[in-house]
């Protein structure tokens, strides 16, 4: 009878080991997935300005082409540069780098009362 009990315990041991390996495998997969996401995020903002989250200012990354409207946070291109020149003519004092970042967004909010610039609004300034 003892031999059968040992076999039963041995099977339970293998089942337990199989579950542990599966859980460990999932843990490794999850870790690698999260690391890849962090690397992709870091690559997406490389060469752009970032601000600490404690200041409440969002990180900047070119996410949109300025050929589509509305111009908004994350838009980059010549239309944004024209917008920034217009905002500077109104006293904003922002860089004309063609990137619609947090400073451009704040200036647009101050001048237009919204955080975005529609195509109709843009036509009136260019």
C-alpha atoms as a PDB file:
ATOM      1  CA  UNK A   1       0.000   0.000   0.000  1.00  0.00           C
ATOM      2  CA  UNK A   2       2.848   2.380   0.735  1.00  0.00           C
ATOM      3  CA  UNK A   3       4.114   2.068  -2.840  1.00  0.00           C
ATOM      4  CA  UNK A   4       0.777   3.304  -4.254  1.00  0.00           C
ATOM      5  CA  UNK A   5       0.745   6.250  -1.872  1.00  0.00           C
ATOM      6  CA  UNK A   6       4.249   7.169  -3.016  1.00  0.00           C
ATOM      7  CA  UNK A   7       3.122   7.074  -6.647  1.00  0.00           C
ATOM      8  CA  UNK A   8       0.184   9.292  -5.821  1.00  0.00           C
ATOM      9  CA  UNK A   9       2.471  11.726  -4.004  1.00  0.00           C
ATOM     10  CA  UNK A  10       4.916  11.574  -6.894  1.00  0.00           C
ATOM     11  CA  UNK A  11       2.126  12.476  -9.349  1.00  0.00           C
ATOM     12  CA  UNK A  12       1.083  15.351  -7.105  1.00  0.00           C
ATOM     13  CA  UNK A  13       4.694  16.466  -6.992  1.00  0.00           C
ATOM     14  CA  UNK A  14       4.856  16.500 -10.794  1.00  0.00           C
ATOM     15  CA  UNK A  15       1.569  18.379 -11.045  1.00  0.00           C
ATOM     16  CA  UNK A  16       2.791  20.929  -8.523  1.00  0.00           C
ATOM     17  CA  UNK A  17       6.103  21.293 -10.345  1.00  0.00           C
ATOM     18  CA  UNK A  18       4.270  21.706 -13.652  1.00  0.00           C
ATOM     19  CA  UNK A  19       2.114  24.476 -12.209  1.00  0.00           C
ATOM     20  CA  UNK A  20       5.182  26.187 -10.746  1.00  0.00           C
ATOM     21  CA  UNK A  21       6.969  26.066 -14.104  1.00  0.00           C
ATOM     22  CA  UNK A  22       3.874  27.426 -15.857  1.00  0.00           C
ATOM     23  CA  UNK A  23       3.562  30.265 -13.357  1.00  0.00           C
ATOM     24  CA  UNK A  24       7.263  31.053 -13.640  1.00  0.00           C
ATOM     25  CA  UNK A  25       7.007  30.989 -17.427  1.00  0.00           C
ATOM     26  CA  UNK A  26       4.103  33.413 -17.316  1.00  0.00           C
ATOM     27  CA  UNK A  27       6.058  35.659 -14.962  1.00  0.00           C
ATOM     28  CA  UNK A  28       9.033  35.744 -17.317  1.00  0.00           C
ATOM     29  CA  UNK A  29       6.772  36.381 -20.321  1.00  0.00           C
ATOM     30  CA  UNK A  30       4.999  39.229 -18.515  1.00  0.00           C
ATOM     31  CA  UNK A  31       8.298  40.787 -17.433  1.00  0.00           C
ATOM     32  CA  UNK A  32       9.672  40.636 -20.995  1.00  0.00           C
ATOM     33  CA  UNK A  33       6.449  42.078 -22.399  1.00  0.00           C
ATOM     34  CA  UNK A  34       6.528  45.020 -19.977  1.00  0.00           C
ATOM     35  CA  UNK A  35      10.233  45.615 -20.648  1.00  0.00           C
ATOM     36  CA  UNK A  36       9.554  45.716 -24.394  1.00  0.00           C
ATOM     37  CA  UNK A  37       6.692  48.203 -23.862  1.00  0.00           C
ATOM     38  CA  UNK A  38       8.979  50.436 -21.785  1.00  0.00           C
ATOM     39  CA  UNK A  39      11.680  50.281 -24.470  1.00  0.00           C
ATOM     40  CA  UNK A  40       9.167  51.166 -27.191  1.00  0.00           C
ATOM     41  CA  UNK A  41       7.871  54.068 -25.124  1.00  0.00           C
ATOM     42  CA  UNK A  42      11.399  55.311 -24.469  1.00  0.00           C
ATOM     43  CA  UNK A  43      12.183  55.071 -28.190  1.00  0.00           C
ATOM     44  CA  UNK A  44       9.028  57.004 -29.065  1.00  0.00           C
ATOM     45  CA  UNK A  45      10.079  59.977 -26.947  1.00  0.00           C
ATOM     46  CA  UNK A  46      13.787  59.856 -27.733  1.00  0.00           C
ATOM     47  CA  UNK A  47      14.998  63.219 -28.889  1.00  0.00           C
ATOM     48  CA  UNK A  48      11.953  65.040 -27.557  1.00  0.00           C
ATOM     49  CA  UNK A  49      11.503  67.089 -24.446  1.00  0.00           C
ATOM     50  CA  UNK A  50      10.145  65.419 -21.361  1.00  0.00           C
ATOM     51  CA  UNK A  51       9.049  66.876 -18.096  1.00  0.00           C
ATOM     52  CA  UNK A  52       8.764  65.223 -14.747  1.00  0.00           C
ATOM     53  CA  UNK A  53       5.327  63.974 -13.867  1.00  0.00           C
ATOM     54  CA  UNK A  54       5.532  65.696 -10.489  1.00  0.00           C
ATOM     55  CA  UNK A  55       5.211  69.063 -12.237  1.00  0.00           C
ATOM     56  CA  UNK A  56       1.977  67.949 -13.894  1.00  0.00           C
ATOM     57  CA  UNK A  57       3.329  68.650 -17.390  1.00  0.00           C
ATOM     58  CA  UNK A  58       2.869  65.893 -19.944  1.00  0.00           C
ATOM     59  CA  UNK A  59       5.756  64.329 -21.820  1.00  0.00           C
ATOM     60  CA  UNK A  60       5.979  65.318 -25.471  1.00  0.00           C
ATOM     61  CA  UNK A  61       6.207  63.092 -28.510  1.00  0.00           C
ATOM     62  CA  UNK A  62       5.319  63.776 -32.159  1.00  0.00           C
ATOM     63  CA  UNK A  63       2.221  61.645 -32.566  1.00  0.00           C
ATOM     64  CA  UNK A  64       0.373  63.484 -35.336  1.00  0.00           C
ATOM     65  CA  UNK A  65       1.223  65.066 -38.662  1.00  0.00           C
ATOM     66  CA  UNK A  66       0.152  68.674 -39.038  1.00  0.00           C
ATOM     67  CA  UNK A  67      -1.508  67.886 -42.358  1.00  0.00           C
ATOM     68  CA  UNK A  68      -4.598  66.839 -40.391  1.00  0.00           C
ATOM     69  CA  UNK A  69      -6.635  69.061 -38.136  1.00  0.00           C
ATOM     70  CA  UNK A  70      -7.246  70.005 -35.403  1.00  0.00           C
ATOM     71  CA  UNK A  71      -3.718  70.929 -34.399  1.00  0.00           C
ATOM     72  CA  UNK A  72      -3.289  69.547 -30.884  1.00  0.00           C
ATOM     73  CA  UNK A  73      -0.787  68.305 -28.342  1.00  0.00           C
ATOM     74  CA  UNK A  74       1.615  65.923 -30.092  1.00  0.00           C
ATOM     75  CA  UNK A  75       1.280  67.474 -33.582  1.00  0.00           C
ATOM     76  CA  UNK A  76       4.493  68.391 -35.423  1.00  0.00           C
ATOM     77  CA  UNK A  77       5.288  70.213 -38.658  1.00  0.00           C
ATOM     78  CA  UNK A  78       5.233  73.466 -40.584  1.00  0.00           C
ATOM     79  CA  UNK A  79       1.642  74.365 -39.682  1.00  0.00           C
ATOM     80  CA  UNK A  80       2.574  74.163 -36.008  1.00  0.00           C
ATOM     81  CA  UNK A  81       5.553  76.427 -36.701  1.00  0.00           C
ATOM     82  CA  UNK A  82       3.214  78.963 -38.360  1.00  0.00           C
ATOM     83  CA  UNK A  83       0.907  78.710 -35.348  1.00  0.00           C
ATOM     84  CA  UNK A  84       3.823  79.269 -32.976  1.00  0.00           C
ATOM     85  CA  UNK A  85       4.918  82.350 -34.948  1.00  0.00           C
ATOM     86  CA  UNK A  86       1.366  83.712 -34.665  1.00  0.00           C
ATOM     87  CA  UNK A  87       1.275  82.991 -30.933  1.00  0.00           C
ATOM     88  CA  UNK A  88       4.605  84.780 -30.522  1.00  0.00           C
ATOM     89  CA  UNK A  89       3.196  87.794 -32.356  1.00  0.00           C
ATOM     90  CA  UNK A  90       0.541  87.826 -29.620  1.00  0.00           C
ATOM     91  CA  UNK A  91       3.256  87.844 -26.928  1.00  0.00           C
ATOM     92  CA  UNK A  92       3.526  84.165 -26.010  1.00  0.00           C
ATOM     93  CA  UNK A  93       7.314  83.912 -26.202  1.00  0.00           C
ATOM     94  CA  UNK A  94       7.478  80.200 -27.066  1.00  0.00           C
ATOM     95  CA  UNK A  95      10.053  78.376 -29.195  1.00  0.00           C
ATOM     96  CA  UNK A  96       9.169  78.034 -32.883  1.00  0.00           C
ATOM     97  CA  UNK A  97      10.324  74.436 -33.157  1.00  0.00           C
ATOM     98  CA  UNK A  98       7.270  73.051 -34.986  1.00  0.00           C
ATOM     99  CA  UNK A  99       6.316  70.818 -32.037  1.00  0.00           C
ATOM    100  CA  UNK A 100       2.929  71.277 -30.370  1.00  0.00           C
ATOM    101  CA  UNK A 101       4.055  70.577 -26.824  1.00  0.00           C
ATOM    102  CA  UNK A 102       2.950  71.761 -23.384  1.00  0.00           C
ATOM    103  CA  UNK A 103       4.107  75.369 -23.860  1.00  0.00           C
ATOM    104  CA  UNK A 104       2.352  75.676 -27.226  1.00  0.00           C
ATOM    105  CA  UNK A 105      -0.773  74.130 -25.743  1.00  0.00           C
ATOM    106  CA  UNK A 106      -0.739  76.660 -22.884  1.00  0.00           C
ATOM    107  CA  UNK A 107      -0.273  79.548 -25.350  1.00  0.00           C
ATOM    108  CA  UNK A 108      -3.127  78.288 -27.555  1.00  0.00           C
ATOM    109  CA  UNK A 109      -5.331  78.006 -24.459  1.00  0.00           C
ATOM    110  CA  UNK A 110      -4.471  81.584 -23.514  1.00  0.00           C
ATOM    111  CA  UNK A 111      -4.989  83.083 -26.993  1.00  0.00           C
ATOM    112  CA  UNK A 112      -7.899  80.981 -28.321  1.00  0.00           C
ATOM    113  CA  UNK A 113      -9.532  79.656 -25.160  1.00  0.00           C
ATOM    114  CA  UNK A 114      -9.202  76.037 -26.335  1.00  0.00           C
ATOM    115  CA  UNK A 115      -6.396  73.493 -26.355  1.00  0.00           C
ATOM    116  CA  UNK A 116      -6.715  72.767 -30.083  1.00  0.00           C
ATOM    117  CA  UNK A 117      -6.727  74.796 -33.288  1.00  0.00           C
ATOM    118  CA  UNK A 118      -9.297  73.868 -35.924  1.00  0.00           C
ATOM    119  CA  UNK A 119      -8.665  74.259 -39.647  1.00  0.00           C
ATOM    120  CA  UNK A 120     -11.031  77.232 -39.745  1.00  0.00           C
ATOM    121  CA  UNK A 121      -9.140  79.019 -36.950  1.00  0.00           C
ATOM    122  CA  UNK A 122      -5.831  78.213 -38.603  1.00  0.00           C
ATOM    123  CA  UNK A 123      -6.969  79.755 -41.907  1.00  0.00           C
ATOM    124  CA  UNK A 124      -7.618  83.035 -40.122  1.00  0.00           C
ATOM    125  CA  UNK A 125      -4.047  83.252 -38.779  1.00  0.00           C
ATOM    126  CA  UNK A 126      -2.085  82.148 -41.844  1.00  0.00           C
END
